[in-house]
């Protein structure tokens, strides 16, 4: 079973950038499809972006297209979320997940707050 630990959250001004990282351990990282999700206060958790095992295909929520980029480094057992042009509505706890054979594993989340 894979374990996931997110990092890189914090306070950022509107228009700024932030890079989130998700470190995986405990299993063969390269066989998992990975994703980033977020949950704002009072709202349901929503998809931000996903990336296939090889990294050759990505998918984004409409709200982040053109601003966020998901990537992975299988040699480092890590997945990243580069966030640019951040908006106050991007404020949320960001979670990474790993999916294999229908089993979903979540990290503990990292808080991103976009505010001046």
C-alpha atoms as a PDB file:
ATOM      1  CA  UNK A   1       0.000   0.000   0.000  1.00  0.00           C
ATOM      2  CA  UNK A   2       1.322   3.415  -0.939  1.00  0.00           C
ATOM      3  CA  UNK A   3       1.626   6.256   1.577  1.00  0.00           C
ATOM      4  CA  UNK A   4       1.384   9.882   0.436  1.00  0.00           C
ATOM      5  CA  UNK A   5       2.675  13.081   2.038  1.00  0.00           C
ATOM      6  CA  UNK A   6       1.890  16.488   0.551  1.00  0.00           C
ATOM      7  CA  UNK A   7       3.970  19.610   1.086  1.00  0.00           C
ATOM      8  CA  UNK A   8       4.392  23.107  -0.279  1.00  0.00           C
ATOM      9  CA  UNK A   9       1.231  24.776   0.932  1.00  0.00           C
ATOM     10  CA  UNK A  10       1.106  28.192   2.532  1.00  0.00           C
ATOM     11  CA  UNK A  11      -0.044  31.764   2.110  1.00  0.00           C
ATOM     12  CA  UNK A  12       0.348  33.347  -1.325  1.00  0.00           C
ATOM     13  CA  UNK A  13      -0.833  36.622  -2.774  1.00  0.00           C
ATOM     14  CA  UNK A  14      -3.338  36.745  -5.635  1.00  0.00           C
ATOM     15  CA  UNK A  15      -1.523  36.391  -8.920  1.00  0.00           C
ATOM     16  CA  UNK A  16       1.306  34.502  -7.276  1.00  0.00           C
ATOM     17  CA  UNK A  17       2.607  30.974  -7.781  1.00  0.00           C
ATOM     18  CA  UNK A  18       3.073  27.920  -5.613  1.00  0.00           C
ATOM     19  CA  UNK A  19       4.383  24.420  -6.227  1.00  0.00           C
ATOM     20  CA  UNK A  20       2.921  21.526  -4.309  1.00  0.00           C
ATOM     21  CA  UNK A  21       4.723  18.217  -3.944  1.00  0.00           C
ATOM     22  CA  UNK A  22       3.434  14.781  -3.044  1.00  0.00           C
ATOM     23  CA  UNK A  23       5.969  12.195  -1.943  1.00  0.00           C
ATOM     24  CA  UNK A  24       5.027   8.523  -2.187  1.00  0.00           C
ATOM     25  CA  UNK A  25       6.454   5.573  -0.330  1.00  0.00           C
ATOM     26  CA  UNK A  26       5.650   1.991   0.521  1.00  0.00           C
ATOM     27  CA  UNK A  27       4.797   0.703  -2.910  1.00  0.00           C
ATOM     28  CA  UNK A  28       5.808   0.890  -6.545  1.00  0.00           C
ATOM     29  CA  UNK A  29       4.920   4.481  -7.345  1.00  0.00           C
ATOM     30  CA  UNK A  30       5.179   4.141 -11.104  1.00  0.00           C
ATOM     31  CA  UNK A  31       2.119   1.865 -11.345  1.00  0.00           C
ATOM     32  CA  UNK A  32      -0.287   4.343  -9.770  1.00  0.00           C
ATOM     33  CA  UNK A  33      -2.390   6.909 -11.543  1.00  0.00           C
ATOM     34  CA  UNK A  34      -2.021  10.122  -9.525  1.00  0.00           C
ATOM     35  CA  UNK A  35      -4.203  13.133  -8.949  1.00  0.00           C
ATOM     36  CA  UNK A  36      -4.622  16.368  -7.071  1.00  0.00           C
ATOM     37  CA  UNK A  37      -7.924  17.325  -5.464  1.00  0.00           C
ATOM     38  CA  UNK A  38      -8.938  20.219  -3.262  1.00  0.00           C
ATOM     39  CA  UNK A  39     -11.556  21.009  -0.666  1.00  0.00           C
ATOM     40  CA  UNK A  40     -12.570  24.520   0.306  1.00  0.00           C
ATOM     41  CA  UNK A  41     -14.422  25.245   3.570  1.00  0.00           C
ATOM     42  CA  UNK A  42     -18.055  24.206   3.316  1.00  0.00           C
ATOM     43  CA  UNK A  43     -17.566  22.606  -0.089  1.00  0.00           C
ATOM     44  CA  UNK A  44     -17.104  19.104  -1.416  1.00  0.00           C
ATOM     45  CA  UNK A  45     -13.722  17.806  -2.463  1.00  0.00           C
ATOM     46  CA  UNK A  46     -13.205  18.438  -6.165  1.00  0.00           C
ATOM     47  CA  UNK A  47     -10.864  17.257  -8.871  1.00  0.00           C
ATOM     48  CA  UNK A  48      -8.005  19.577  -9.776  1.00  0.00           C
ATOM     49  CA  UNK A  49      -5.842  17.456 -12.073  1.00  0.00           C
ATOM     50  CA  UNK A  50      -4.864  13.873 -12.825  1.00  0.00           C
ATOM     51  CA  UNK A  51      -1.910  12.265 -14.560  1.00  0.00           C
ATOM     52  CA  UNK A  52      -1.506   8.783 -15.994  1.00  0.00           C
ATOM     53  CA  UNK A  53       1.069   6.220 -14.934  1.00  0.00           C
ATOM     54  CA  UNK A  54       3.524   7.209 -17.667  1.00  0.00           C
ATOM     55  CA  UNK A  55       2.822  10.899 -17.313  1.00  0.00           C
ATOM     56  CA  UNK A  56       1.835  11.027 -20.945  1.00  0.00           C
ATOM     57  CA  UNK A  57      -1.721  12.184 -20.372  1.00  0.00           C
ATOM     58  CA  UNK A  58      -3.144  14.780 -18.023  1.00  0.00           C
ATOM     59  CA  UNK A  59      -6.593  16.077 -17.187  1.00  0.00           C
ATOM     60  CA  UNK A  60      -7.602  19.362 -15.550  1.00  0.00           C
ATOM     61  CA  UNK A  61     -10.656  20.953 -14.045  1.00  0.00           C
ATOM     62  CA  UNK A  62     -11.919  23.824 -16.184  1.00  0.00           C
ATOM     63  CA  UNK A  63     -11.296  26.237 -13.325  1.00  0.00           C
ATOM     64  CA  UNK A  64      -7.537  25.615 -13.362  1.00  0.00           C
ATOM     65  CA  UNK A  65      -6.813  24.969 -17.046  1.00  0.00           C
ATOM     66  CA  UNK A  66      -4.011  27.154 -18.302  1.00  0.00           C
ATOM     67  CA  UNK A  67      -2.911  28.049 -14.765  1.00  0.00           C
ATOM     68  CA  UNK A  68      -2.017  24.740 -13.101  1.00  0.00           C
ATOM     69  CA  UNK A  69       0.294  21.987 -14.324  1.00  0.00           C
ATOM     70  CA  UNK A  70       0.510  18.470 -12.925  1.00  0.00           C
ATOM     71  CA  UNK A  71       3.664  16.441 -13.420  1.00  0.00           C
ATOM     72  CA  UNK A  72       5.347  13.388 -11.968  1.00  0.00           C
ATOM     73  CA  UNK A  73       8.826  12.026 -11.517  1.00  0.00           C
ATOM     74  CA  UNK A  74       8.660   8.249 -11.176  1.00  0.00           C
ATOM     75  CA  UNK A  75      12.359   8.053 -10.338  1.00  0.00           C
ATOM     76  CA  UNK A  76      11.732  10.277  -7.310  1.00  0.00           C
ATOM     77  CA  UNK A  77       8.347   8.781  -6.415  1.00  0.00           C
ATOM     78  CA  UNK A  78       6.759  12.202  -6.549  1.00  0.00           C
ATOM     79  CA  UNK A  79       3.957  14.118  -8.190  1.00  0.00           C
ATOM     80  CA  UNK A  80       3.807  17.890  -8.401  1.00  0.00           C
ATOM     81  CA  UNK A  81       1.252  20.623  -8.937  1.00  0.00           C
ATOM     82  CA  UNK A  82       2.590  23.916 -10.271  1.00  0.00           C
ATOM     83  CA  UNK A  83       0.017  26.612  -9.601  1.00  0.00           C
ATOM     84  CA  UNK A  84       0.309  29.991 -11.329  1.00  0.00           C
ATOM     85  CA  UNK A  85      -1.913  33.065 -11.426  1.00  0.00           C
ATOM     86  CA  UNK A  86      -3.504  32.032  -8.164  1.00  0.00           C
ATOM     87  CA  UNK A  87      -6.885  33.438  -7.218  1.00  0.00           C
ATOM     88  CA  UNK A  88      -8.621  33.739  -3.829  1.00  0.00           C
ATOM     89  CA  UNK A  89     -11.045  31.041  -4.966  1.00  0.00           C
ATOM     90  CA  UNK A  90      -8.128  28.614  -5.184  1.00  0.00           C
ATOM     91  CA  UNK A  91      -7.946  28.687  -1.390  1.00  0.00           C
ATOM     92  CA  UNK A  92      -8.429  25.123  -0.151  1.00  0.00           C
ATOM     93  CA  UNK A  93      -6.785  22.093   1.345  1.00  0.00           C
ATOM     94  CA  UNK A  94      -5.052  20.279  -1.486  1.00  0.00           C
ATOM     95  CA  UNK A  95      -4.833  16.495  -1.447  1.00  0.00           C
ATOM     96  CA  UNK A  96      -2.966  14.109  -3.682  1.00  0.00           C
ATOM     97  CA  UNK A  97      -4.256  10.630  -4.364  1.00  0.00           C
ATOM     98  CA  UNK A  98      -3.037   7.420  -5.880  1.00  0.00           C
ATOM     99  CA  UNK A  99      -5.233   4.959  -7.742  1.00  0.00           C
ATOM    100  CA  UNK A 100      -4.502   1.352  -8.650  1.00  0.00           C
ATOM    101  CA  UNK A 101      -6.925  -1.468  -9.339  1.00  0.00           C
ATOM    102  CA  UNK A 102      -9.790   0.663  -8.101  1.00  0.00           C
ATOM    103  CA  UNK A 103      -8.171   1.337  -4.737  1.00  0.00           C
ATOM    104  CA  UNK A 104      -7.753   5.009  -3.853  1.00  0.00           C
ATOM    105  CA  UNK A 105      -5.234   6.262  -1.305  1.00  0.00           C
ATOM    106  CA  UNK A 106      -5.193   9.840  -0.009  1.00  0.00           C
ATOM    107  CA  UNK A 107      -2.570  12.020   1.593  1.00  0.00           C
ATOM    108  CA  UNK A 108      -3.267  14.202   4.621  1.00  0.00           C
ATOM    109  CA  UNK A 109      -3.537  17.421   2.608  1.00  0.00           C
ATOM    110  CA  UNK A 110      -1.750  20.757   2.562  1.00  0.00           C
ATOM    111  CA  UNK A 111      -3.426  24.141   3.026  1.00  0.00           C
ATOM    112  CA  UNK A 112      -3.130  26.772   0.309  1.00  0.00           C
ATOM    113  CA  UNK A 113      -4.456  30.231   1.138  1.00  0.00           C
ATOM    114  CA  UNK A 114      -4.587  32.914  -1.538  1.00  0.00           C
ATOM    115  CA  UNK A 115      -5.015  36.299   0.064  1.00  0.00           C
ATOM    116  CA  UNK A 116      -3.521  39.769   0.117  1.00  0.00           C
END
